[in-house]
Amino acid sequence: ERHKVEESVELIKYAGSKGINIID
C-alpha cells in the first residue's frame, strides 16, 4: 500500500514471472 497501485501490481506480476507462487 506504500506504492502506487500500478507499481505494486507489476511487482507481484514480476514475482510470479520468476516462479514465486505463494503470497501472504
PDB file of all heavy atoms in Angstrom:
ATOM      1  N   GLU A   1       0.810  -1.220   0.000  1.00  0.00           N
ATOM      2  CA  GLU A   1       0.000   0.000   0.000  1.00  0.00           C
ATOM      3  C   GLU A   1       0.843   1.270   0.000  1.00  0.00           C
ATOM      4  O   GLU A   1       0.319   2.364  -0.220  1.00  0.00           O
ATOM      5  CB  GLU A   1      -0.957   0.003   1.203  1.00  0.00           C
ATOM      6  CG  GLU A   1      -0.385   0.513   2.506  1.00  0.00           C
ATOM      7  CD  GLU A   1       0.546  -0.466   3.210  1.00  0.00           C
ATOM      8  OE1 GLU A   1       0.732  -1.601   2.689  1.00  0.00           O
ATOM      9  OE2 GLU A   1       1.088  -0.122   4.272  1.00  0.00           O
ATOM     10  N   ARG A   2       2.144   1.144   0.210  1.00  0.00           N
ATOM     11  CA  ARG A   2       3.002   2.324   0.258  1.00  0.00           C
ATOM     12  C   ARG A   2       3.418   2.801  -1.138  1.00  0.00           C
ATOM     13  O   ARG A   2       4.134   3.785  -1.268  1.00  0.00           O
ATOM     14  CB  ARG A   2       4.234   2.047   1.117  1.00  0.00           C
ATOM     15  CG  ARG A   2       3.869   1.612   2.534  1.00  0.00           C
ATOM     16  CD  ARG A   2       5.034   1.753   3.465  1.00  0.00           C
ATOM     17  NE  ARG A   2       4.719   1.193   4.760  1.00  0.00           N
ATOM     18  CZ  ARG A   2       4.018   1.813   5.698  1.00  0.00           C
ATOM     19  NH1 ARG A   2       3.546   3.012   5.460  1.00  0.00           N
ATOM     20  NH2 ARG A   2       3.767   1.227   6.852  1.00  0.00           N
ATOM     21  N   HIS A   3       2.994   2.070  -2.160  1.00  0.00           N
ATOM     22  CA  HIS A   3       3.361   2.423  -3.526  1.00  0.00           C
ATOM     23  C   HIS A   3       2.109   2.657  -4.369  1.00  0.00           C
ATOM     24  O   HIS A   3       1.002   2.303  -3.974  1.00  0.00           O
ATOM     25  CB  HIS A   3       4.203   1.291  -4.143  1.00  0.00           C
ATOM     26  CG  HIS A   3       5.436   0.968  -3.361  1.00  0.00           C
ATOM     27  ND1 HIS A   3       6.606   1.689  -3.477  1.00  0.00           N
ATOM     28  CD2 HIS A   3       5.679   0.020  -2.429  1.00  0.00           C
ATOM     29  CE1 HIS A   3       7.510   1.193  -2.658  1.00  0.00           C
ATOM     30  NE2 HIS A   3       6.981   0.175  -2.005  1.00  0.00           N
ATOM     31  N   LYS A   4       2.308   3.229  -5.534  1.00  0.00           N
ATOM     32  CA  LYS A   4       1.200   3.400  -6.453  1.00  0.00           C
ATOM     33  C   LYS A   4       0.645   2.040  -6.840  1.00  0.00           C
ATOM     34  O   LYS A   4       1.395   1.065  -6.941  1.00  0.00           O
ATOM     35  CB  LYS A   4       1.655   4.158  -7.698  1.00  0.00           C
ATOM     36  CG  LYS A   4       2.077   5.598  -7.432  1.00  0.00           C
ATOM     37  CD  LYS A   4       2.530   6.269  -8.708  1.00  0.00           C
ATOM     38  CE  LYS A   4       2.956   7.720  -8.448  1.00  0.00           C
ATOM     39  NZ  LYS A   4       3.444   8.375  -9.686  1.00  0.00           N
ATOM     40  N   VAL A   5      -0.656   1.977  -7.062  1.00  0.00           N
ATOM     41  CA  VAL A   5      -1.306   0.700  -7.362  1.00  0.00           C
ATOM     42  C   VAL A   5      -0.636  -0.019  -8.525  1.00  0.00           C
ATOM     43  O   VAL A   5      -0.303  -1.208  -8.442  1.00  0.00           O
ATOM     44  CB  VAL A   5      -2.807   0.912  -7.657  1.00  0.00           C
ATOM     45  CG1 VAL A   5      -3.438  -0.370  -8.192  1.00  0.00           C
ATOM     46  CG2 VAL A   5      -3.539   1.375  -6.411  1.00  0.00           C
ATOM     47  N   GLU A   6      -0.414   0.701  -9.619  1.00  0.00           N
ATOM     48  CA  GLU A   6       0.156   0.060 -10.803  1.00  0.00           C
ATOM     49  C   GLU A   6       1.563  -0.471 -10.545  1.00  0.00           C
ATOM     50  O   GLU A   6       1.954  -1.517 -11.080  1.00  0.00           O
ATOM     51  CB  GLU A   6       0.164   1.020 -11.992  1.00  0.00           C
ATOM     52  CG  GLU A   6       0.890   2.336 -11.770  1.00  0.00           C
ATOM     53  CD  GLU A   6       0.015   3.440 -11.213  1.00  0.00           C
ATOM     54  OE1 GLU A   6      -1.043   3.126 -10.615  1.00  0.00           O
ATOM     55  OE2 GLU A   6       0.382   4.625 -11.373  1.00  0.00           O
ATOM     56  N   GLU A   7       2.326   0.212  -9.687  1.00  0.00           N
ATOM     57  CA  GLU A   7       3.680  -0.248  -9.361  1.00  0.00           C
ATOM     58  C   GLU A   7       3.645  -1.553  -8.564  1.00  0.00           C
ATOM     59  O   GLU A   7       4.411  -2.484  -8.836  1.00  0.00           O
ATOM     60  CB  GLU A   7       4.426   0.824  -8.571  1.00  0.00           C
ATOM     61  CG  GLU A   7       4.758   2.071  -9.375  1.00  0.00           C
ATOM     62  CD  GLU A   7       5.412   3.151  -8.534  1.00  0.00           C
ATOM     63  OE1 GLU A   7       5.566   2.944  -7.305  1.00  0.00           O
ATOM     64  OE2 GLU A   7       5.782   4.195  -9.091  1.00  0.00           O
ATOM     65  N   SER A   8       2.747  -1.618  -7.591  1.00  0.00           N
ATOM     66  CA  SER A   8       2.644  -2.821  -6.771  1.00  0.00           C
ATOM     67  C   SER A   8       2.077  -3.991  -7.563  1.00  0.00           C
ATOM     68  O   SER A   8       2.486  -5.142  -7.369  1.00  0.00           O
ATOM     69  CB  SER A   8       1.775  -2.543  -5.543  1.00  0.00           C
ATOM     70  OG  SER A   8       2.459  -1.711  -4.625  1.00  0.00           O
ATOM     71  N   VAL A   9       1.141  -3.711  -8.442  1.00  0.00           N
ATOM     72  CA  VAL A   9       0.592  -4.776  -9.308  1.00  0.00           C
ATOM     73  C   VAL A   9       1.706  -5.376 -10.163  1.00  0.00           C
ATOM     74  O   VAL A   9       1.839  -6.604 -10.268  1.00  0.00           O
ATOM     75  CB  VAL A   9      -0.537  -4.226 -10.202  1.00  0.00           C
ATOM     76  CG1 VAL A   9      -0.888  -5.220 -11.303  1.00  0.00           C
ATOM     77  CG2 VAL A   9      -1.772  -3.921  -9.370  1.00  0.00           C
ATOM     78  N   GLU A  10       2.529  -4.521 -10.748  1.00  0.00           N
ATOM     79  CA  GLU A  10       3.630  -5.004 -11.583  1.00  0.00           C
ATOM     80  C   GLU A  10       4.674  -5.753 -10.764  1.00  0.00           C
ATOM     81  O   GLU A  10       5.313  -6.689 -11.258  1.00  0.00           O
ATOM     82  CB  GLU A  10       4.278  -3.829 -12.328  1.00  0.00           C
ATOM     83  CG  GLU A  10       3.422  -3.268 -13.441  1.00  0.00           C
ATOM     84  CD  GLU A  10       2.995  -4.335 -14.446  1.00  0.00           C
ATOM     85  OE1 GLU A  10       3.872  -5.119 -14.895  1.00  0.00           O
ATOM     86  OE2 GLU A  10       1.793  -4.397 -14.765  1.00  0.00           O
ATOM     87  N   LEU A  11       4.855  -5.341  -9.505  1.00  0.00           N
ATOM     88  CA  LEU A  11       5.815  -6.019  -8.631  1.00  0.00           C
ATOM     89  C   LEU A  11       5.386  -7.469  -8.395  1.00  0.00           C
ATOM     90  O   LEU A  11       6.204  -8.394  -8.460  1.00  0.00           O
ATOM     91  CB  LEU A  11       5.912  -5.274  -7.293  1.00  0.00           C
ATOM     92  CG  LEU A  11       7.066  -5.652  -6.375  1.00  0.00           C
ATOM     93  CD1 LEU A  11       8.406  -5.277  -6.995  1.00  0.00           C
ATOM     94  CD2 LEU A  11       6.912  -4.972  -5.019  1.00  0.00           C
ATOM     95  N   ILE A  12       4.104  -7.678  -8.132  1.00  0.00           N
ATOM     96  CA  ILE A  12       3.595  -9.040  -7.919  1.00  0.00           C
ATOM     97  C   ILE A  12       3.696  -9.855  -9.204  1.00  0.00           C
ATOM     98  O   ILE A  12       4.084 -11.037  -9.187  1.00  0.00           O
ATOM     99  CB  ILE A  12       2.148  -9.002  -7.407  1.00  0.00           C
ATOM    100  CG1 ILE A  12       2.086  -8.338  -6.030  1.00  0.00           C
ATOM    101  CG2 ILE A  12       1.569 -10.413  -7.335  1.00  0.00           C
ATOM    102  CD1 ILE A  12       0.670  -8.101  -5.516  1.00  0.00           C
ATOM    103  N   LYS A  13       3.359  -9.237 -10.316  1.00  0.00           N
ATOM    104  CA  LYS A  13       3.456  -9.947 -11.599  1.00  0.00           C
ATOM    105  C   LYS A  13       4.897 -10.331 -11.902  1.00  0.00           C
ATOM    106  O   LYS A  13       5.167 -11.417 -12.423  1.00  0.00           O
ATOM    107  CB  LYS A  13       2.887  -9.078 -12.716  1.00  0.00           C
ATOM    108  CG  LYS A  13       1.366  -8.933 -12.687  1.00  0.00           C
ATOM    109  CD  LYS A  13       0.866  -8.132 -13.879  1.00  0.00           C
ATOM    110  CE  LYS A  13      -0.652  -8.076 -13.909  1.00  0.00           C
ATOM    111  NZ  LYS A  13      -1.171  -7.313 -15.074  1.00  0.00           N
ATOM    112  N   TYR A  14       5.829  -9.453 -11.561  1.00  0.00           N
ATOM    113  CA  TYR A  14       7.239  -9.767 -11.760  1.00  0.00           C
ATOM    114  C   TYR A  14       7.634 -10.972 -10.913  1.00  0.00           C
ATOM    115  O   TYR A  14       8.324 -11.882 -11.391  1.00  0.00           O
ATOM    116  CB  TYR A  14       8.099  -8.559 -11.398  1.00  0.00           C
ATOM    117  CG  TYR A  14       9.587  -8.799 -11.557  1.00  0.00           C
ATOM    118  CD1 TYR A  14      10.194  -8.710 -12.807  1.00  0.00           C
ATOM    119  CD2 TYR A  14      10.388  -9.108 -10.452  1.00  0.00           C
ATOM    120  CE1 TYR A  14      11.559  -8.929 -12.968  1.00  0.00           C
ATOM    121  CE2 TYR A  14      11.749  -9.334 -10.602  1.00  0.00           C
ATOM    122  CZ  TYR A  14      12.333  -9.245 -11.862  1.00  0.00           C
ATOM    123  OH  TYR A  14      13.680  -9.477 -12.011  1.00  0.00           O
ATOM    124  N   ALA A  15       7.193 -10.977  -9.655  1.00  0.00           N
ATOM    125  CA  ALA A  15       7.495 -12.112  -8.772  1.00  0.00           C
ATOM    126  C   ALA A  15       6.960 -13.409  -9.367  1.00  0.00           C
ATOM    127  O   ALA A  15       7.644 -14.443  -9.367  1.00  0.00           O
ATOM    128  CB  ALA A  15       6.896 -11.862  -7.391  1.00  0.00           C
ATOM    129  N   GLY A  16       5.732 -13.358  -9.878  1.00  0.00           N
ATOM    130  CA  GLY A  16       5.150 -14.551 -10.490  1.00  0.00           C
ATOM    131  C   GLY A  16       5.938 -15.027 -11.689  1.00  0.00           C
ATOM    132  O   GLY A  16       6.101 -16.244 -11.902  1.00  0.00           O
ATOM    133  N   SER A  17       6.459 -14.092 -12.472  1.00  0.00           N
ATOM    134  CA  SER A  17       7.235 -14.469 -13.658  1.00  0.00           C
ATOM    135  C   SER A  17       8.544 -15.155 -13.287  1.00  0.00           C
ATOM    136  O   SER A  17       9.142 -15.857 -14.115  1.00  0.00           O
ATOM    137  CB  SER A  17       7.526 -13.225 -14.511  1.00  0.00           C
ATOM    138  OG  SER A  17       8.513 -12.394 -13.906  1.00  0.00           O
ATOM    139  N   LYS A  18       8.994 -14.956 -12.044  1.00  0.00           N
ATOM    140  CA  LYS A  18      10.232 -15.569 -11.564  1.00  0.00           C
ATOM    141  C   LYS A  18       9.987 -16.899 -10.846  1.00  0.00           C
ATOM    142  O   LYS A  18      10.916 -17.488 -10.291  1.00  0.00           O
ATOM    143  CB  LYS A  18      10.966 -14.604 -10.626  1.00  0.00           C
ATOM    144  CG  LYS A  18      11.439 -13.325 -11.310  1.00  0.00           C
ATOM    145  CD  LYS A  18      12.459 -13.624 -12.386  1.00  0.00           C
ATOM    146  CE  LYS A  18      12.986 -12.356 -13.029  1.00  0.00           C
ATOM    147  NZ  LYS A  18      14.011 -12.625 -14.071  1.00  0.00           N
ATOM    148  N   GLY A  19       8.739 -17.343 -10.825  1.00  0.00           N
ATOM    149  CA  GLY A  19       8.430 -18.636 -10.222  1.00  0.00           C
ATOM    150  C   GLY A  19       7.870 -18.569  -8.819  1.00  0.00           C
ATOM    151  O   GLY A  19       7.552 -19.603  -8.224  1.00  0.00           O
ATOM    152  N   ILE A  20       7.744 -17.377  -8.249  1.00  0.00           N
ATOM    153  CA  ILE A  20       7.146 -17.237  -6.921  1.00  0.00           C
ATOM    154  C   ILE A  20       5.654 -17.532  -7.032  1.00  0.00           C
ATOM    155  O   ILE A  20       4.965 -16.975  -7.886  1.00  0.00           O
ATOM    156  CB  ILE A  20       7.388 -15.821  -6.364  1.00  0.00           C
ATOM    157  CG1 ILE A  20       8.877 -15.625  -6.068  1.00  0.00           C
ATOM    158  CG2 ILE A  20       6.547 -15.574  -5.103  1.00  0.00           C
ATOM    159  CD1 ILE A  20       9.253 -14.225  -5.614  1.00  0.00           C
ATOM    160  N   ASN A  21       5.151 -18.422  -6.154  1.00  0.00           N
ATOM    161  CA  ASN A  21       3.746 -18.833  -6.285  1.00  0.00           C
ATOM    162  C   ASN A  21       2.948 -18.778  -4.985  1.00  0.00           C
ATOM    163  O   ASN A  21       1.816 -19.251  -4.924  1.00  0.00           O
ATOM    164  CB  ASN A  21       3.653 -20.245  -6.880  1.00  0.00           C
ATOM    165  CG  ASN A  21       4.094 -21.343  -5.916  1.00  0.00           C
ATOM    166  OD1 ASN A  21       4.630 -21.067  -4.835  1.00  0.00           O
ATOM    167  ND2 ASN A  21       3.889 -22.589  -6.299  1.00  0.00           N
ATOM    168  N   ILE A  22       3.532 -18.197  -3.930  1.00  0.00           N
ATOM    169  CA  ILE A  22       2.803 -18.078  -2.665  1.00  0.00           C
ATOM    170  C   ILE A  22       2.893 -16.637  -2.186  1.00  0.00           C
ATOM    171  O   ILE A  22       3.974 -16.027  -2.198  1.00  0.00           O
ATOM    172  CB  ILE A  22       3.329 -19.057  -1.594  1.00  0.00           C
ATOM    173  CG1 ILE A  22       2.534 -18.882  -0.282  1.00  0.00           C
ATOM    174  CG2 ILE A  22       4.833 -18.937  -1.372  1.00  0.00           C
ATOM    175  CD1 ILE A  22       2.816 -19.968   0.750  1.00  0.00           C
ATOM    176  N   ILE A  23       1.754 -16.084  -1.780  1.00  0.00           N
ATOM    177  CA  ILE A  23       1.684 -14.697  -1.334  1.00  0.00           C
ATOM    178  C   ILE A  23       0.855 -14.618  -0.064  1.00  0.00           C
ATOM    179  O   ILE A  23      -0.163 -15.313   0.066  1.00  0.00           O
ATOM    180  CB  ILE A  23       1.101 -13.782  -2.434  1.00  0.00           C
ATOM    181  CG1 ILE A  23       1.199 -12.299  -2.033  1.00  0.00           C
ATOM    182  CG2 ILE A  23      -0.322 -14.172  -2.799  1.00  0.00           C
ATOM    183  CD1 ILE A  23       0.935 -11.342  -3.192  1.00  0.00           C
ATOM    184  N   ASP A  24       1.306 -13.817   0.874  1.00  0.00           N
ATOM    185  CA  ASP A  24       0.579 -13.648   2.138  1.00  0.00           C
ATOM    186  C   ASP A  24      -0.194 -12.339   2.120  1.00  0.00           C
ATOM    187  O   ASP A  24       0.339 -11.297   1.742  1.00  0.00           O
ATOM    188  CB  ASP A  24       1.547 -13.644   3.323  1.00  0.00           C
ATOM    189  CG  ASP A  24       0.823 -13.460   4.648  1.00  0.00           C
ATOM    190  OD1 ASP A  24       0.122 -14.401   5.054  1.00  0.00           O
ATOM    191  OD2 ASP A  24       0.937 -12.370   5.246  1.00  0.00           O
TER     192      ASP A  24
END
